[in-house]
Protein backbone atom coordinates (compact mmCIF):
# COMPACT_ATOMS: atom_id res chain seq x y z
CA MET A 1 0.35 0.20 0.01
CA ASN A 2 1.41 3.54 -0.90
CA ASP A 3 2.38 6.14 1.55
CA PHE A 4 0.77 8.88 0.58
CA TYR A 5 1.27 12.51 1.91
CA ASP A 6 -0.36 13.28 5.11
CA PRO A 7 -2.79 16.35 4.42
CA THR A 8 -2.30 17.53 8.04
CA LYS A 9 1.09 18.19 7.14
CA LEU A 10 0.43 20.49 4.05
CA LYS A 11 1.67 24.20 4.16
CA ILE A 12 0.64 27.49 2.28
CA GLY A 13 3.19 28.02 -0.37
CA GLN A 14 3.87 24.07 -0.64
CA HIS A 15 4.34 22.43 -4.34
CA VAL A 16 2.04 19.69 -4.93
CA GLY A 17 1.40 17.16 -8.04
CA VAL A 18 4.25 16.88 -10.68
CA GLU A 19 7.58 19.17 -10.44
CA LEU A 20 7.69 20.67 -13.84
CA ASP A 21 3.82 22.17 -13.41
CA PRO A 22 3.15 22.05 -9.92
CA TYR A 23 -0.16 23.37 -7.80
CA VAL A 24 0.87 26.20 -5.31
CA LEU A 25 -1.01 25.78 -2.23
CA ASN A 26 -2.63 28.80 -1.50
CA TYR A 27 -4.85 28.79 1.65
CA PRO A 28 -6.47 25.95 3.32
CA MET A 29 -10.97 25.84 3.17
CA ASP A 30 -11.28 23.95 6.15
CA SER A 31 -9.41 23.31 9.68
CA HIS A 32 -8.35 19.70 8.78
CA LYS A 33 -6.12 21.34 6.12
CA THR A 34 -7.58 18.32 3.58
CA THR A 35 -9.46 21.16 1.18
CA TRP A 36 -6.88 24.06 -0.46
CA VAL A 37 -6.97 26.66 -2.85
CA ALA A 38 -4.04 26.05 -5.23
CA ASP A 39 -2.58 27.85 -8.16
CA GLN A 40 -1.51 26.25 -11.32
CA GLY A 41 0.05 28.18 -14.13
CA GLY A 42 -1.88 31.47 -12.86
CA ARG A 43 -5.63 29.75 -12.40
CA PRO A 44 -7.14 28.93 -9.05
CA PHE A 45 -8.43 25.70 -8.03
CA VAL A 46 -9.95 23.79 -5.74
CA LEU A 47 -7.55 20.82 -4.39
CA ARG A 48 -9.72 17.87 -2.19
CA PHE A 49 -6.64 15.14 -0.79
CA PHE A 50 -7.51 11.80 -0.26
CA GLN A 51 -7.63 10.85 3.29
CA SER A 52 -6.62 7.57 4.10
CA ASN A 53 -8.79 7.47 7.33
CA LYS A 54 -12.35 8.09 5.18
CA GLY A 55 -12.31 5.19 2.60
CA LYS A 56 -10.18 3.24 -0.15
CA VAL A 57 -7.96 5.08 -2.64
CA GLU A 58 -9.47 2.92 -5.56
CA ASP A 59 -13.09 4.27 -4.42
CA PHE A 60 -11.91 8.03 -3.90
CA LEU A 61 -10.16 7.65 -7.67
CA GLN A 62 -12.96 6.23 -9.35
CA ASN A 63 -15.42 8.49 -7.71
CA ALA A 64 -13.78 11.50 -8.71
CA ARG A 65 -13.45 10.72 -12.36
CA LYS A 66 -17.32 9.88 -12.25
CA TYR A 67 -17.82 13.30 -10.92
CA ALA A 68 -15.54 15.00 -13.55
CA SER A 69 -18.10 13.76 -16.18
CA VAL A 70 -21.16 16.04 -14.90
CA LYS A 71 -21.22 19.36 -16.83
CA HIS A 72 -24.29 22.38 -15.41
CA PRO A 73 -24.00 25.98 -15.24
CA ALA A 74 -25.09 25.63 -11.59
CA ILE A 75 -22.34 23.07 -10.65
CA THR A 76 -18.72 24.16 -10.22
CA PRO A 77 -16.48 22.15 -13.10
CA ASN A 78 -15.23 19.00 -11.54
CA TYR A 79 -11.23 17.74 -13.17
CA PRO A 80 -9.81 14.19 -13.29
CA PRO A 81 -8.11 13.55 -9.94
CA PHE A 82 -4.26 13.59 -9.54
CA TYR A 83 -2.40 10.41 -8.54
CA SER A 84 1.13 9.53 -8.02
CA ASN A 85 2.78 7.15 -5.45
CA LEU A 86 3.05 10.69 -3.36
CA TRP A 87 -0.21 12.49 -4.24
CA VAL A 88 -3.52 11.63 -4.51
CA PHE A 89 -6.23 14.72 -4.71
CA SER A 90 -9.01 15.80 -7.03
CA CYS A 91 -9.47 19.07 -8.43
CA SER A 92 -12.36 21.61 -9.47
CA ALA A 93 -12.93 25.19 -10.19
CA VAL A 94 -12.78 27.99 -7.60
CA CYS A 95 -16.24 29.33 -7.28
CA GLY A 96 -16.77 32.98 -6.13
CA GLY A 97 -19.06 34.88 -4.40
CA GLU A 98 -20.10 34.41 -0.86
CA ASN A 99 -21.48 31.09 0.26
CA LEU A 100 -25.35 30.42 1.12
CA TYR A 101 -25.09 31.02 5.17
CA SER A 102 -23.18 34.46 4.71
CA PHE A 103 -25.74 35.46 2.26
CA LEU A 104 -29.03 34.42 4.17
CA GLY A 105 -27.58 36.40 7.01
CA LYS A 106 -29.03 39.39 5.18
CA TYR A 107 -32.52 38.16 5.17
CA PRO A 108 -32.68 36.96 8.92
CA ASP A 109 -36.97 36.77 8.53
CA GLY A 110 -36.87 34.88 5.18
CA ALA A 111 -35.81 36.51 1.59
CA PRO A 112 -37.97 37.75 -0.80
CA LEU A 113 -39.94 34.80 -3.69
CA ASN A 114 -37.73 36.30 -6.33
CA VAL A 115 -34.33 36.28 -4.29
CA VAL A 116 -35.44 32.65 -3.70
CA ILE A 117 -36.01 31.68 -6.54
CA SER A 118 -33.28 33.28 -8.48
CA LEU A 119 -31.52 31.15 -5.53
CA PHE A 120 -32.96 27.73 -6.29
CA ASP A 121 -33.92 27.81 -9.80
CA ASN A 122 -30.95 26.75 -11.38
CA ILE A 123 -30.02 24.17 -8.82
CA ALA A 124 -33.13 22.81 -9.05
CA LYS A 125 -32.68 22.04 -12.75
CA ALA A 126 -29.34 20.85 -12.05
CA LEU A 127 -30.14 18.09 -9.35
CA ASP A 128 -32.90 16.67 -11.53
CA GLN A 129 -30.61 16.15 -14.40
CA VAL A 130 -28.03 14.83 -12.59
CA HIS A 131 -30.28 12.38 -10.43
CA ARG A 132 -31.87 11.09 -13.95
CA ASN A 133 -28.23 9.70 -14.64
CA GLY A 134 -27.99 8.07 -11.08
CA LEU A 135 -25.54 10.69 -9.49
CA PHE A 136 -26.23 13.38 -6.92
CA HIS A 137 -24.42 15.64 -4.57
CA GLY A 138 -24.52 13.91 -1.41
CA HIS A 139 -23.30 16.90 1.06
CA LEU A 140 -25.74 19.76 0.40
CA ASP A 141 -25.66 22.39 3.18
CA LEU A 142 -24.92 26.14 3.30
CA SER A 143 -21.51 25.88 3.03
CA SER A 144 -21.73 24.01 -0.74
CA ILE A 145 -23.60 26.81 -2.02
CA HIS A 146 -21.85 29.78 -3.39
CA VAL A 147 -24.17 32.35 -4.59
CA VAL A 148 -22.46 34.49 -7.54
CA ASN A 149 -24.73 37.43 -8.83
CA GLY A 150 -27.65 36.56 -7.14
CA LEU A 151 -27.48 32.93 -8.60
CA GLY A 152 -26.52 29.97 -6.44
CA LEU A 153 -24.21 27.59 -7.83
CA MET A 154 -23.49 23.99 -6.04
CA THR A 155 -19.39 23.20 -5.18
CA GLY A 156 -17.68 20.06 -4.55
CA PHE A 157 -20.30 18.48 -6.23
CA GLY A 158 -20.01 14.34 -5.43
CA SER A 159 -16.81 15.07 -3.61
CA HIS A 160 -17.58 13.27 -0.80
CA ASN A 161 -19.38 10.34 -2.15
CA TRP A 162 -16.36 8.09 -2.14
CA MET A 163 -16.28 8.29 1.71
CA LYS A 164 -17.46 5.33 3.86
CA ARG A 165 -19.34 8.02 6.47
CA ILE A 166 -20.22 11.48 5.53
CA GLU A 167 -19.68 13.14 9.05
CA ASP A 168 -20.55 16.27 10.52
CA SER A 169 -16.67 17.64 9.50
CA GLU A 170 -17.50 17.50 5.95
CA MET A 171 -21.14 18.52 5.91
CA ASP A 172 -23.97 20.52 8.39
CA ALA A 173 -25.68 17.71 10.09
CA ARG A 174 -29.09 19.67 10.49
CA PHE A 175 -28.99 18.72 6.78
CA PHE A 176 -28.41 15.07 7.45
CA PRO A 177 -31.57 12.93 6.34
CA PRO A 178 -32.23 9.82 8.61
CA GLU A 179 -30.61 7.17 6.33
CA TYR A 180 -27.23 9.09 6.97
CA LEU A 181 -27.82 8.37 10.79
CA LYS A 182 -27.84 4.39 10.42
CA LYS A 183 -24.99 2.47 11.18
CA GLU A 184 -24.63 1.33 7.07
CA GLN A 185 -25.02 4.97 6.03
CA GLN A 186 -27.11 5.00 2.71
CA ARG A 187 -27.18 8.16 0.08
CA SER A 188 -28.94 8.27 -2.95
CA SER A 189 -30.66 11.23 -4.85
CA THR A 190 -33.25 11.54 -2.20
CA SER A 191 -30.89 12.37 0.26
CA ASP A 192 -30.63 15.85 -2.30
CA SER A 193 -33.60 16.22 -2.16
CA PHE A 194 -34.00 16.30 1.84
CA ALA A 195 -31.52 18.78 2.02
CA PHE A 196 -32.61 20.92 -0.93
CA MET A 197 -35.87 21.23 1.20
CA ARG A 198 -34.04 22.13 3.90
CA LEU A 199 -31.92 24.99 2.31
CA LEU A 200 -35.22 26.11 0.82
CA MET A 201 -37.08 26.53 4.13
CA ALA A 202 -33.93 28.57 5.50
CA ALA A 203 -34.06 30.94 2.40
CA LEU A 204 -38.07 31.48 2.88
CA LEU A 205 -38.17 31.72 6.70
CA GLY A 206 -34.23 32.35 7.68
CA GLU A 207 -31.78 30.28 8.76
CA SER A 208 -32.52 29.96 12.73
CA ILE A 209 -35.23 27.30 11.24
CA LEU A 210 -32.96 24.90 11.04
CA ASP A 211 -32.44 24.45 14.67
CA LYS A 212 -36.27 23.98 14.94
CA ASP A 213 -38.37 20.81 14.83
CA PHE A 214 -39.36 20.36 11.19
CA ALA A 215 -42.05 18.17 12.23
CA THR A 216 -43.58 20.91 14.81
CA GLY A 217 -41.36 24.47 14.55
CA LEU A 218 -42.17 25.25 11.10
CA PRO A 219 -45.68 27.77 10.58
CA ASP A 220 -48.84 27.23 9.64
CA THR A 221 -48.40 29.74 6.99
CA HIS A 222 -46.09 31.77 4.80
CA PRO A 223 -46.80 35.63 4.40
CA ASN A 224 -46.12 35.43 0.36
CA LEU A 225 -47.29 31.84 -0.72
CA SER A 226 -50.82 30.63 -0.80
CA ASP A 227 -52.15 28.02 1.70
CA ALA A 228 -52.06 25.41 -0.88
CA THR A 229 -48.34 26.04 -1.63
CA TRP A 230 -47.33 26.25 1.73
CA SER A 231 -48.99 22.73 2.37
CA ARG A 232 -47.36 20.96 -0.57
CA LEU A 233 -44.14 22.78 0.89
CA LEU A 234 -44.38 21.56 4.08
CA LYS A 235 -45.48 17.88 3.27
CA TRP A 236 -42.24 17.91 0.84
CA SER A 237 -40.16 18.74 4.50
CA ARG A 238 -40.92 15.80 6.10
CA GLU A 239 -38.31 13.41 6.90
CA SER A 240 -39.97 10.08 4.95
CA GLU A 241 -38.52 9.45 1.79
CA ARG A 242 -41.81 8.91 0.52
CA HIS A 243 -42.81 12.15 0.95
CA ARG A 244 -39.83 14.07 -0.67
CA PRO A 245 -40.45 15.56 -4.07
CA LYS A 246 -39.79 13.80 -7.46
CA SER A 247 -38.98 17.05 -8.97
CA LEU A 248 -37.17 19.94 -7.69
CA ALA A 249 -37.44 21.60 -10.86
CA GLU A 250 -41.22 21.44 -9.95
CA VAL A 251 -40.96 22.98 -6.01
CA ILE A 252 -39.71 26.10 -7.63
CA ARG A 253 -42.04 26.11 -10.52
CA ILE A 254 -45.25 26.24 -7.59
CA ILE A 255 -43.87 29.34 -5.40
CA ARG A 256 -42.96 30.99 -8.90
CA ALA A 257 -46.54 31.16 -9.86
CA ASN A 258 -46.93 32.66 -6.32
CA LEU A 259 -45.17 35.63 -7.52
CA TYR A 260 -47.70 36.25 -10.48
CA LYS A 261 -51.21 35.30 -9.02
CA PRO A 262 -50.93 34.22 -5.13
CA GLU A 263 -54.06 32.63 -3.67
CA VAL A 264 -55.77 34.16 -1.17
CA SER A 265 -54.99 33.04 2.34
CA ASP A 266 -58.47 30.79 3.32
CA SER A 267 -57.13 28.96 6.60
CA SER A 268 -58.71 30.05 9.79
CA ALA A 269 -56.32 29.87 12.92
CA THR A 270 -58.51 27.12 14.37
CA LYS A 271 -57.69 25.31 11.16
CA ARG A 272 -54.32 26.09 10.94
CA ALA A 273 -53.97 24.77 14.68
CA VAL A 274 -55.72 21.64 13.56
CA LYS A 275 -53.68 20.84 10.78
CA ARG A 276 -50.16 22.10 12.54
CA TYR A 277 -51.14 19.38 15.28
CA ALA A 278 -51.83 16.25 12.84
CA ARG A 279 -48.44 16.96 11.35
CA THR A 280 -46.85 15.47 14.71
CA LEU A 281 -49.34 12.49 14.94
CA SER A 282 -49.35 8.81 13.40
CA PRO A 283 -52.10 7.14 11.58
CA VAL A 284 -53.18 5.22 14.39
CA THR A 285 -53.18 8.15 16.97
CA ILE A 286 -55.45 10.19 14.22
CA GLY A 287 -57.47 7.19 14.04
CA ALA A 288 -58.04 7.36 18.21
CA ALA A 289 -57.96 11.14 18.36
CA ALA A 290 -60.80 10.86 15.79
CA PHE A 291 -63.15 8.49 17.42
CA VAL A 292 -62.39 10.50 20.85
CA ALA A 293 -63.59 13.49 19.24
CA THR A 294 -67.02 12.01 18.07
CA GLY A 295 -67.75 11.18 21.03
CA LEU A 296 -67.04 14.55 22.61
CA VAL A 297 -69.41 16.18 19.77
CA ALA A 298 -71.79 14.06 20.98
CA ALA A 299 -71.69 15.04 24.22
CA ILE A 300 -71.46 18.70 23.63
CA ILE A 301 -74.48 18.66 21.48
CA LEU A 302 -76.97 16.73 24.52
CA TRP A 303 -75.21 18.71 27.53
CA PRO A 304 -77.87 21.07 28.71
CA GLU A 305 -77.12 24.85 28.24
CA ALA A 306 -75.27 26.75 30.77
CA THR A 307 -75.54 30.57 31.25
CA PRO A 308 -71.93 31.66 30.29
CA PRO A 309 -69.73 33.49 32.29
CA LYS A 310 -69.10 37.31 31.79
CA LYS A 311 -65.84 38.15 30.87
CA MET A 312 -64.03 40.77 32.67
CA ALA A 313 -61.56 43.05 30.55
CA ALA A 314 -58.10 42.50 31.63
CA PRO A 315 -56.17 45.40 33.09
CA LYS A 316 -54.27 47.20 30.26
CA ILE A 317 -50.35 46.94 31.09
CA ILE A 318 -48.37 50.09 29.23
CA GLN A 319 -44.78 48.60 28.51
CA PRO A 320 -41.97 51.21 28.08
CA GLU A 321 -40.12 51.49 25.23
CA ILE A 322 -36.78 50.18 24.60
CA GLU A 323 -34.16 51.22 22.02
CA GLU A 324 -32.70 47.78 20.93
CA LYS A 325 -29.78 47.79 19.32
CA THR A 326 -29.16 45.54 16.27
CA PRO A 327 -26.38 42.34 16.68
CA PHE A 328 -24.31 44.72 14.26
CA GLU A 329 -24.40 47.74 16.48
CA ALA A 330 -24.09 45.85 19.75
CA LEU A 331 -20.57 45.21 18.42
CA PRO A 332 -17.74 47.50 19.86
CA GLN A 333 -16.21 49.76 17.04
CA VAL A 334 -12.46 48.56 17.46
CA LEU A 335 -11.34 45.31 18.36
CA GLU A 336 -7.95 43.45 18.97
CA GLU A 337 -8.61 40.30 18.99
CA PRO A 338 -6.01 37.89 21.46
CA LEU A 339 -3.81 35.58 19.80
CA ILE A 340 -3.44 31.85 20.81
CA SER A 341 -0.04 32.10 20.52
CA GLY A 342 0.29 35.39 22.58
CA GLY A 343 -0.20 38.99 21.87
CA THR A 344 -2.89 40.43 19.52
CA ALA A 345 -4.10 40.14 16.11
CA PRO A 346 -3.76 43.97 13.86
CA LYS A 347 -6.18 46.27 15.61
CA ILE A 348 -9.72 47.08 13.40
CA GLU A 349 -12.23 49.21 12.99
CA LYS A 350 -16.03 48.34 12.41
CA ILE A 351 -17.61 49.74 9.03
CA PRO A 352 -20.96 49.54 8.57
CA PRO A 353 -23.32 48.55 5.61
CA ALA A 354 -23.45 51.24 2.79
CA THR A 355 -24.14 51.58 -1.12
CA PHE A 356 -21.42 53.73 -2.88
CA ILE A 357 -20.19 54.72 -6.19
CA MET A 358 -17.13 53.08 -7.52
CA GLY A 359 -14.62 53.85 -9.55
CA ASP A 360 -13.28 57.43 -11.51
CA GLN A 361 -15.72 59.97 -10.46
CA GLY A 362 -13.42 63.00 -11.41
CA HIS A 363 -13.00 62.07 -15.38
CA MET A 364 -8.64 61.48 -14.67
CA GLY A 365 -9.12 58.01 -14.08
CA ASP A 366 -7.59 54.95 -16.59
CA ASP A 367 -9.81 52.73 -18.52
CA ASN A 368 -9.21 50.11 -15.60
CA GLU A 369 -11.52 52.32 -13.23
CA LYS A 370 -14.27 52.86 -15.55
CA PRO A 371 -17.39 52.82 -16.00
CA ALA A 372 -17.88 54.23 -12.49
CA HIS A 373 -20.81 52.11 -10.66
CA GLU A 374 -23.09 51.79 -7.93
CA VAL A 375 -22.16 49.09 -5.41
CA ASP A 376 -23.90 47.66 -2.31
CA ILE A 377 -22.08 46.39 0.79
CA PRO A 378 -25.08 44.88 2.64
CA ASN A 379 -23.14 43.49 5.51
CA GLY A 380 -20.72 45.24 7.64
CA PHE A 381 -16.94 44.08 8.29
CA TYR A 382 -14.21 44.92 10.13
CA ILE A 383 -10.67 46.48 8.28
CA SER A 384 -7.51 47.08 9.94
CA LYS A 385 -6.75 50.69 11.33
CA TYR A 386 -3.02 50.56 10.09
CA GLU A 387 -1.29 48.48 7.33
CA VAL A 388 0.22 45.00 8.45
CA THR A 389 3.40 45.77 10.50
CA PHE A 390 6.87 44.05 10.14
CA ASP A 391 6.38 43.31 14.11
CA GLN A 392 2.83 41.73 13.05
CA TYR A 393 3.94 39.94 10.29
CA ASP A 394 7.63 38.57 11.86
CA LYS A 395 5.67 37.33 14.57
CA PHE A 396 3.77 34.95 12.16
CA ALA A 397 6.77 34.32 10.18
CA LYS A 398 8.64 33.02 12.88
CA ALA A 399 6.04 31.10 13.65
CA THR A 400 5.32 29.11 10.45
CA ASN A 401 9.27 28.96 9.57
CA ARG A 402 9.14 31.42 7.14
CA GLU A 403 11.93 33.51 5.58
CA LEU A 404 11.75 37.18 7.24
CA PRO A 405 11.49 39.72 4.42
CA PRO A 406 13.97 42.18 4.44
CA ASP A 407 13.24 45.92 5.23
CA ASN A 408 15.96 47.59 3.18
CA GLY A 409 17.28 49.00 6.12
CA TRP A 410 14.53 51.70 7.01
CA GLY A 411 13.50 49.56 10.19
CA ARG A 412 11.13 46.87 11.19
CA GLY A 413 8.65 47.79 14.32
CA LEU A 414 5.92 49.60 13.11
CA HIS A 415 6.98 50.12 9.79
CA PRO A 416 4.59 48.57 7.27
CA VAL A 417 5.70 44.90 6.39
CA ILE A 418 7.11 45.05 2.59
CA ASN A 419 8.58 42.21 0.33
CA VAL A 420 5.72 40.33 0.38
CA SER A 421 3.90 38.60 -2.30
CA TRP A 422 0.22 37.98 -2.67
CA TYR A 423 0.54 34.51 -1.27
CA ASP A 424 2.35 35.79 2.12
CA ALA A 425 -0.44 38.18 2.45
CA LYS A 426 -2.71 35.29 2.22
CA ALA A 427 -0.57 33.10 4.49
CA TYR A 428 -0.52 35.81 7.22
CA THR A 429 -4.65 36.02 7.07
CA ALA A 430 -4.75 32.31 7.21
CA TRP A 431 -2.46 31.83 10.29
CA ILE A 432 -4.33 34.98 11.96
CA SER A 433 -7.72 33.15 11.30
CA SER A 434 -6.81 29.96 13.04
CA GLU A 435 -4.97 32.23 15.80
CA THR A 436 -8.21 33.74 16.65
CA ASN A 437 -10.89 31.18 15.53
CA ALA A 438 -12.35 34.22 13.37
CA GLU A 439 -12.43 34.59 9.54
CA TYR A 440 -9.88 36.93 8.36
CA ARG A 441 -8.78 37.69 4.81
CA LEU A 442 -7.43 40.34 2.37
CA PRO A 443 -10.08 43.13 1.70
CA THR A 444 -12.29 42.73 -1.35
CA GLU A 445 -11.69 45.66 -4.25
CA ILE A 446 -14.94 46.53 -3.09
CA GLU A 447 -14.28 47.00 0.64
CA TRP A 448 -11.08 48.70 0.09
CA GLU A 449 -12.33 51.26 -2.19
CA TYR A 450 -15.25 52.45 0.26
CA SER A 451 -12.79 52.39 3.30
CA ALA A 452 -10.38 54.45 1.51
CA ARG A 453 -13.26 56.74 0.33
CA ALA A 454 -14.73 56.96 3.62
CA ASP A 455 -18.09 58.32 1.68
CA SER A 456 -16.19 60.91 -0.36
CA SER A 457 -16.32 61.35 -4.25
CA THR A 458 -12.93 63.32 -4.67
CA ALA A 459 -9.86 61.87 -5.85
CA PHE A 460 -8.50 61.39 -2.14
CA TRP A 461 -10.54 61.00 0.77
CA TYR A 462 -9.81 64.72 1.87
CA GLY A 463 -10.04 66.16 -1.78
CA ASP A 464 -8.98 66.86 -5.19
CA ASN A 465 -5.59 67.66 -4.31
CA VAL A 466 -2.78 66.04 -2.49
CA LYS A 467 -2.09 68.26 1.01
CA GLN A 468 0.56 67.82 3.81
CA GLY A 469 0.06 65.39 6.88
CA TYR A 470 -2.46 63.43 4.79
CA SER A 471 -0.15 61.02 2.83
CA VAL A 472 3.22 59.83 1.87
CA CYS A 473 4.08 59.68 -1.64
CA ASP A 474 6.63 61.35 -3.91
CA SER A 475 5.93 65.00 -3.63
CA CYS A 476 2.79 64.81 -0.90
CA GLY A 477 4.89 66.69 1.40
CA SER A 478 6.27 64.35 4.26
CA LYS A 479 10.11 63.59 5.31
CA TRP A 480 9.65 60.35 3.81
CA ASP A 481 8.29 60.99 0.26
CA GLY A 482 10.39 59.30 -2.39
CA VAL A 483 12.76 57.84 -0.01
CA SER A 484 11.24 54.94 2.23
CA SER A 485 7.84 53.74 4.04
CA ALA A 486 6.88 55.33 7.00
CA PRO A 487 5.77 54.16 10.36
CA VAL A 488 1.86 53.38 9.97
CA GLY A 489 -0.11 55.83 11.64
CA SER A 490 2.32 58.98 11.02
CA GLN A 491 -0.19 60.85 8.72
CA ALA A 492 -3.82 61.61 9.90
CA SER A 493 -6.41 59.15 9.80
CA ASN A 494 -9.67 59.36 7.43
CA PRO A 495 -13.38 59.92 9.10
CA LEU A 496 -13.55 55.90 9.10
CA GLY A 497 -10.54 55.97 11.63
CA LEU A 498 -8.26 54.46 9.13
CA PHE A 499 -4.75 55.38 8.52
CA ASP A 500 -2.31 55.52 5.28
CA MET A 501 -5.30 54.22 2.68
CA HIS A 502 -3.50 56.74 0.08
CA GLY A 503 0.11 56.28 -0.04
CA ASN A 504 3.06 54.39 2.41
CA VAL A 505 2.47 51.15 0.92
CA ALA A 506 0.24 49.94 -1.66
CA GLU A 507 -1.56 47.43 -0.33
CA TRP A 508 -2.82 43.76 -2.00
CA VAL A 509 -6.40 42.85 -2.01
CA GLU A 510 -8.23 39.80 -2.96
CA ASP A 511 -9.43 40.15 -6.11
CA CYS A 512 -8.09 39.09 -9.72
CA TYR A 513 -7.12 41.87 -12.24
CA HIS A 514 -9.69 42.80 -14.82
CA ASP A 515 -8.82 45.59 -17.36
CA THR A 516 -12.22 47.21 -16.80
CA TYR A 517 -15.41 47.19 -14.66
CA ASP A 518 -17.54 45.91 -17.39
CA GLY A 519 -19.60 43.18 -15.42
CA ALA A 520 -18.02 44.10 -12.12
CA PRO A 521 -19.67 42.49 -9.38
CA THR A 522 -22.94 45.09 -7.81
CA LYS A 523 -22.54 43.74 -4.42
CA ASN A 524 -19.40 43.14 -2.21
CA GLN A 525 -17.70 39.83 -3.32
CA VAL A 526 -14.64 39.16 -4.50
CA TRP A 527 -14.30 39.49 -7.89
CA LEU A 528 -12.31 36.20 -9.48
CA ALA A 529 -11.50 35.08 -13.29
CA ASN A 530 -11.06 31.52 -14.92
CA GLN A 531 -7.38 32.58 -15.44
CA CYS A 532 -6.35 34.58 -12.93
CA ASP A 533 -2.64 35.93 -14.01
CA ASN A 534 -2.52 38.90 -11.63
CA ARG A 535 -4.20 40.33 -8.52
CA VAL A 536 -4.91 43.97 -7.51
CA LEU A 537 -3.06 46.45 -5.63
CA ARG A 538 -4.38 49.61 -4.17
CA GLY A 539 -3.59 53.06 -2.98
CA GLY A 540 -0.15 54.01 -4.16
CA SER A 541 3.18 54.56 -2.09
CA TRP A 542 5.44 56.15 -0.91
CA PHE A 543 7.48 55.40 -4.36
CA ASP A 544 4.42 56.78 -6.79
CA ILE A 545 3.62 60.00 -7.53
CA PRO A 546 0.06 61.16 -6.01
CA ARG A 547 -2.31 60.50 -8.89
CA VAL A 548 -1.78 56.51 -8.13
CA GLY A 549 -2.96 56.65 -4.76
CA ARG A 550 -6.78 58.05 -5.40
CA SER A 551 -8.93 56.05 -4.29
CA SER A 552 -9.94 54.39 -7.52
CA THR A 553 -6.49 53.91 -8.63
CA ARG A 554 -5.89 50.14 -9.21
CA TYR A 555 -3.20 48.12 -10.95
CA ARG A 556 -2.02 44.47 -11.32
CA ALA A 557 0.92 42.93 -10.11
CA GLN A 558 1.76 39.02 -10.49
CA PRO A 559 0.93 37.04 -7.08
CA ASP A 560 4.25 35.89 -6.94
CA LEU A 561 6.26 39.36 -7.33
CA LYS A 562 7.40 41.16 -4.20
CA ALA A 563 8.15 44.94 -4.10
CA SER A 564 9.64 47.44 -1.42
CA ASN A 565 6.49 49.56 -1.63
CA TRP A 566 3.87 47.02 -1.59
CA GLY A 567 2.40 45.50 1.53
CA PHE A 568 -0.98 44.59 2.61
CA ARG A 569 -4.28 45.28 5.44
CA VAL A 570 -6.74 42.65 6.51
CA VAL A 571 -10.47 42.26 7.00
CA ARG A 572 -12.52 40.38 9.75
CA ILE A 573 -15.15 38.98 8.40
CA ILE A 574 -18.33 39.62 11.21
CA GLN A 575 -20.18 36.47 10.69
CA GLN A 576 -22.39 36.59 14.30
CA ALA A 577 -23.55 39.13 16.77
CA ASP A 578 -21.29 37.54 19.40
CA ASP A 579 -18.01 38.43 18.92
CA LEU A 580 -16.30 39.03 22.11
CA ALA A 581 -12.61 40.51 22.25
CA LYS A 582 -10.38 43.43 23.60
CA SER A 583 -11.93 46.58 22.31
CA GLU A 584 -10.97 50.19 23.06
């Protein structure tokens, strides 16, 4: 038996596959380090490594080859697996956007019908198609669906179906059908149907509905659906396989019908309560209850009429109005999260949701800043107040046995780290995430530009011309101009409390580089590409003329390159309302 490489020993920047054209590991997608985003020849891929404790390598390879044949616009492509004496992994395309868990966070009480239909229409058609061919996803949950421009796409299709058992480390246990809980785990297309209906209910009612018992915890009506439609959805959401829908496209069809001609709800509260109670009963219990009910009705009819007691008016209680803060508002404005190994992560500032115009608004920009377009940032986020410093990066480099980047003799400490590639910056965010048990990454271009603009429409947050004391660049008026980087925070902060957004060092962001904004996202997300030869740098530097440091200026660089005027800052994603950390 081959002694394949242990996935838990994989590291960021490691080469896997063949020496001549290797995949370069970018960052892990799970805590077990079995699934990675990697680059090969400038293109990003998702690699899923074989785990010997989960099943047989023959089953892994056969499964990967089988699912490489699946083609549908709502399914991210899978490619043939890689196999050698050392490496065994499957390969699939990277999907942009945000996962469904994050997306549904915008709709805690349920998304509008048109949003739900956009999310699930193509997914339903894709599942019906592959089910007819005897294939199935196998681990559908909130993290295996990504939302790109409002459409749902399934990722990792069939990638776990070689395993002896799918556990909660591969799939959210709230989506386990009953057959996954048996000693001999049974999986089929009906397992997808079960998970699909749960996903649909989470979209219609809010993600928190998943924590309730579907037999008793679902509401009796839905405000945007007819009683007949809602009754069918409730039936299709039952655990028994015989109740699961045969066609998922039909499920979406009847929901879409309610967009144009919703039927009037005619159920009384009593009828709805009876229906709800009946859902919890077995057929035998229902029969016994009917017999008892018949006797009770007869007794009531024959019972002598009594004078009803007079009703007493209940005392009116006036409740004082209490102003409640939203979970986002309740979060501290500034965080400095502790690291497991000691010390703290970069200090981060809370940025609220917003809508703004992105791109060249002053008609002084290049083509890659056009067209200017409106972008929505529906969820708030945290971004570091300062560029990541040598102090912070050196701690990471020493902990991970990486080479320390040179400081060009300008000093380390509070100077922004320089001479780091995009891969180095990504490795740092992955390490910070593991040290804080939170999700850190590089900013999206959208997040970066909004943070730099701070609600301004001018070239810089403080106006259309550089001013002394506000930026470090070539001819910005500081003592570091054209000479070296400055210690972070040496200039004035912008209205959002962020320093050095213009100048000092240019900053790596998450996105792939595109020549223009044609087809750019209109909501906050990472903008990827099939051929991602270059990543984006923003903000200008001590070396650049003022024009390069404008809020909308953007330029490209290969992700493995380094320079003495390039650095980065980080974003911390807000996923829940109970974030606790050291705050100012």
